[in-house]
Protein backbone atom coordinates (compact mmCIF):
# COMPACT_ATOMS: atom_id res chain seq x y z
CA UNK A 1 21.34 36.64 -31.97
CA UNK A 2 19.02 34.99 -29.01
CA UNK A 3 17.90 31.33 -30.02
CA UNK A 4 15.28 29.96 -27.66
CA UNK A 5 14.81 26.60 -27.29
CA UNK A 6 11.68 25.00 -25.42
CA UNK A 7 11.27 21.62 -24.23
CA UNK A 8 8.26 19.37 -24.64
CA UNK A 9 6.07 20.19 -22.00
CA UNK A 10 2.54 18.82 -21.33
CA UNK A 11 0.07 19.44 -18.56
CA UNK A 12 -1.61 16.20 -19.23
CA UNK A 13 -0.47 13.63 -16.56
CA UNK A 14 -0.76 9.73 -17.24
CA UNK A 15 -4.12 8.60 -15.32
CA UNK A 16 -2.82 6.31 -12.86
CA UNK A 17 -4.77 3.04 -11.99
CA UNK A 18 -5.30 2.39 -8.21
CA UNK A 19 -5.68 -1.23 -6.84
CA UNK A 20 -6.34 -2.24 -3.05
CA UNK A 21 -5.61 -5.82 -2.24
CA UNK A 22 -7.43 -7.58 0.51
CA UNK A 23 -5.67 -10.72 1.21
CA UNK A 24 -7.05 -13.38 2.82
CA UNK A 25 -6.20 -17.08 2.96
CA UNK A 26 -8.31 -18.42 0.62
CA UNK A 27 -9.75 -15.46 -1.75
CA UNK A 28 -8.50 -12.14 -2.56
CA UNK A 29 -10.56 -9.27 -3.26
CA UNK A 30 -9.50 -6.65 -5.74
CA UNK A 31 -10.76 -3.00 -5.59
CA UNK A 32 -9.56 -0.71 -8.91
CA UNK A 33 -10.43 3.05 -9.49
CA UNK A 34 -9.00 5.89 -11.55
CA UNK A 35 -9.80 8.59 -8.86
CA UNK A 36 -12.54 10.26 -6.45
CA UNK A 37 -16.10 10.16 -8.24
CA UNK A 38 -16.04 7.07 -9.90
CA UNK A 39 -17.40 3.67 -9.19
CA UNK A 40 -14.61 1.10 -8.24
CA UNK A 41 -14.79 -2.09 -9.98
CA UNK A 42 -14.67 -5.07 -7.30
CA UNK A 43 -13.70 -8.71 -8.44
CA UNK A 44 -13.03 -11.41 -6.01
CA UNK A 45 -10.58 -14.37 -7.05
CA UNK A 46 -8.48 -17.55 -5.48
CA UNK A 47 -5.78 -16.57 -3.25
CA UNK A 48 -2.29 -16.41 -5.12
CA UNK A 49 -3.56 -16.75 -8.57
CA UNK A 50 -1.31 -14.29 -9.93
CA UNK A 51 -2.56 -15.07 -13.94
CA UNK A 52 -5.77 -13.98 -12.98
CA UNK A 53 -4.66 -10.64 -11.02
CA UNK A 54 -2.73 -9.59 -14.36
CA UNK A 55 -5.89 -10.51 -16.32
CA UNK A 56 -7.84 -8.53 -13.94
CA UNK A 57 -5.59 -5.36 -14.06
CA UNK A 58 -5.71 -5.36 -18.01
CA UNK A 59 -9.39 -5.76 -17.77
CA UNK A 60 -9.78 -2.56 -15.10
CA UNK A 61 -7.42 -0.81 -17.68
CA UNK A 62 -10.16 -1.31 -20.47
CA UNK A 63 -13.02 -0.39 -18.28
CA UNK A 64 -11.50 3.13 -17.08
CA UNK A 65 -10.43 3.49 -20.97
CA UNK A 66 -6.60 3.56 -19.76
CA UNK A 67 -3.88 2.76 -22.32
CA UNK A 68 -2.19 -0.73 -21.78
CA UNK A 69 1.22 1.03 -20.77
CA UNK A 70 -0.87 3.24 -17.99
CA UNK A 71 0.60 3.25 -14.73
CA UNK A 72 -0.45 1.14 -11.87
CA UNK A 73 -0.38 1.75 -8.10
CA UNK A 74 -1.24 -0.62 -5.37
CA UNK A 75 -1.68 -1.04 -1.35
CA UNK A 76 -2.18 -3.94 0.50
CA UNK A 77 -1.71 -4.99 4.22
CA UNK A 78 1.69 -6.51 5.03
CA UNK A 79 0.96 -10.06 6.23
CA UNK A 80 1.69 -13.80 5.02
CA UNK A 81 1.73 -12.85 1.23
CA UNK A 82 2.49 -9.59 1.33
CA UNK A 83 6.28 -10.10 0.42
CA UNK A 84 6.17 -12.34 -2.23
CA UNK A 85 3.24 -10.13 -3.74
CA UNK A 86 5.33 -7.20 -3.65
CA UNK A 87 8.48 -9.17 -5.30
CA UNK A 88 5.81 -10.51 -8.41
CA UNK A 89 4.28 -6.81 -8.44
CA UNK A 90 7.55 -5.15 -8.93
CA UNK A 91 8.34 -7.55 -11.93
CA UNK A 92 5.41 -6.21 -13.61
CA UNK A 93 6.13 -2.40 -12.86
CA UNK A 94 3.46 -2.00 -10.16
CA UNK A 95 4.12 0.76 -7.62
CA UNK A 96 3.04 -0.34 -4.01
CA UNK A 97 2.05 0.98 -0.73
CA UNK A 98 2.61 -1.49 1.70
CA UNK A 99 0.67 -0.88 5.09
CA UNK A 100 1.74 -2.48 8.34
CA UNK A 101 -1.36 -2.44 10.66
CA UNK A 102 0.60 -2.42 13.85
CA UNK A 103 2.45 0.81 12.86
CA UNK A 104 0.10 3.59 14.75
CA UNK A 105 -0.75 6.92 13.05
CA UNK A 106 1.78 8.76 15.48
CA UNK A 107 4.74 9.45 13.23
CA UNK A 108 6.77 10.25 15.99
CA UNK A 109 6.52 6.82 17.81
CA UNK A 110 9.40 4.38 18.43
CA UNK A 111 9.62 1.13 16.72
CA UNK A 112 9.53 -0.58 19.84
CA UNK A 113 6.14 1.16 20.55
CA UNK A 114 4.23 -0.15 17.63
CA UNK A 115 4.53 -3.46 18.39
CA UNK A 116 3.48 -3.82 22.26
CA UNK A 117 2.41 -1.45 24.97
CA UNK A 118 5.61 -0.39 27.23
CA UNK A 119 6.16 -2.21 30.32
CA UNK A 120 4.86 -0.36 33.74
CA UNK A 121 8.58 -0.53 35.15
CA UNK A 122 9.72 1.25 32.36
CA UNK A 123 7.67 4.19 32.81
CA UNK A 124 8.87 4.58 36.43
CA UNK A 125 12.30 5.90 37.18
CA UNK A 126 14.43 3.74 39.74
CA UNK A 127 13.44 4.05 43.29
CA UNK A 128 10.17 6.25 42.62
CA UNK A 129 6.84 5.83 42.62
CA UNK A 130 4.77 2.63 43.80
CA UNK A 131 7.72 -0.20 43.54
CA UNK A 132 10.00 1.64 45.43
CA UNK A 133 11.08 -0.70 48.43
CA UNK A 134 10.25 0.20 51.90
CA UNK A 135 12.58 2.08 53.87
C-alpha cells in the first residue's frame, strides 16, 4: 500500500514592503513601495527619530494594504548614521542592504582600488618607463 504525503505548499509569496532611506544630518527622507507600478509613499522626518520611523513603516503597510507582520526590506547609504541604524532595524526584523558609495560597479576591483586611485609609481615596473634613472 502506497501512502503519499504532501506538505503544505503555497505559490503566494508574502508581499514585501520596501523602504529606501535618504539620511541627512537634520532630515531623513523615506520612500516606501511594494514593487514596480505602484507610486511610492515619500515622507520626511527629523533625523534619528526612530519612533517616527516605526510609525511610518506601520502607516505604509496600511496604505499598501499589507498585514502588520509582512516583511520589510530597506536600503540606505553607509555613512554617519548607517551602523547604529543597522542595529536598530535588526531589532525590528527589518532586512537591510547597506550601500557603500565608494564601491565601484566592478565586482573584481580590489578593496584598495575602491578608496583611492593607484599611485603612478605602482603602475610602472621598477627601472622601466619614464621614472628610470639616467644611465
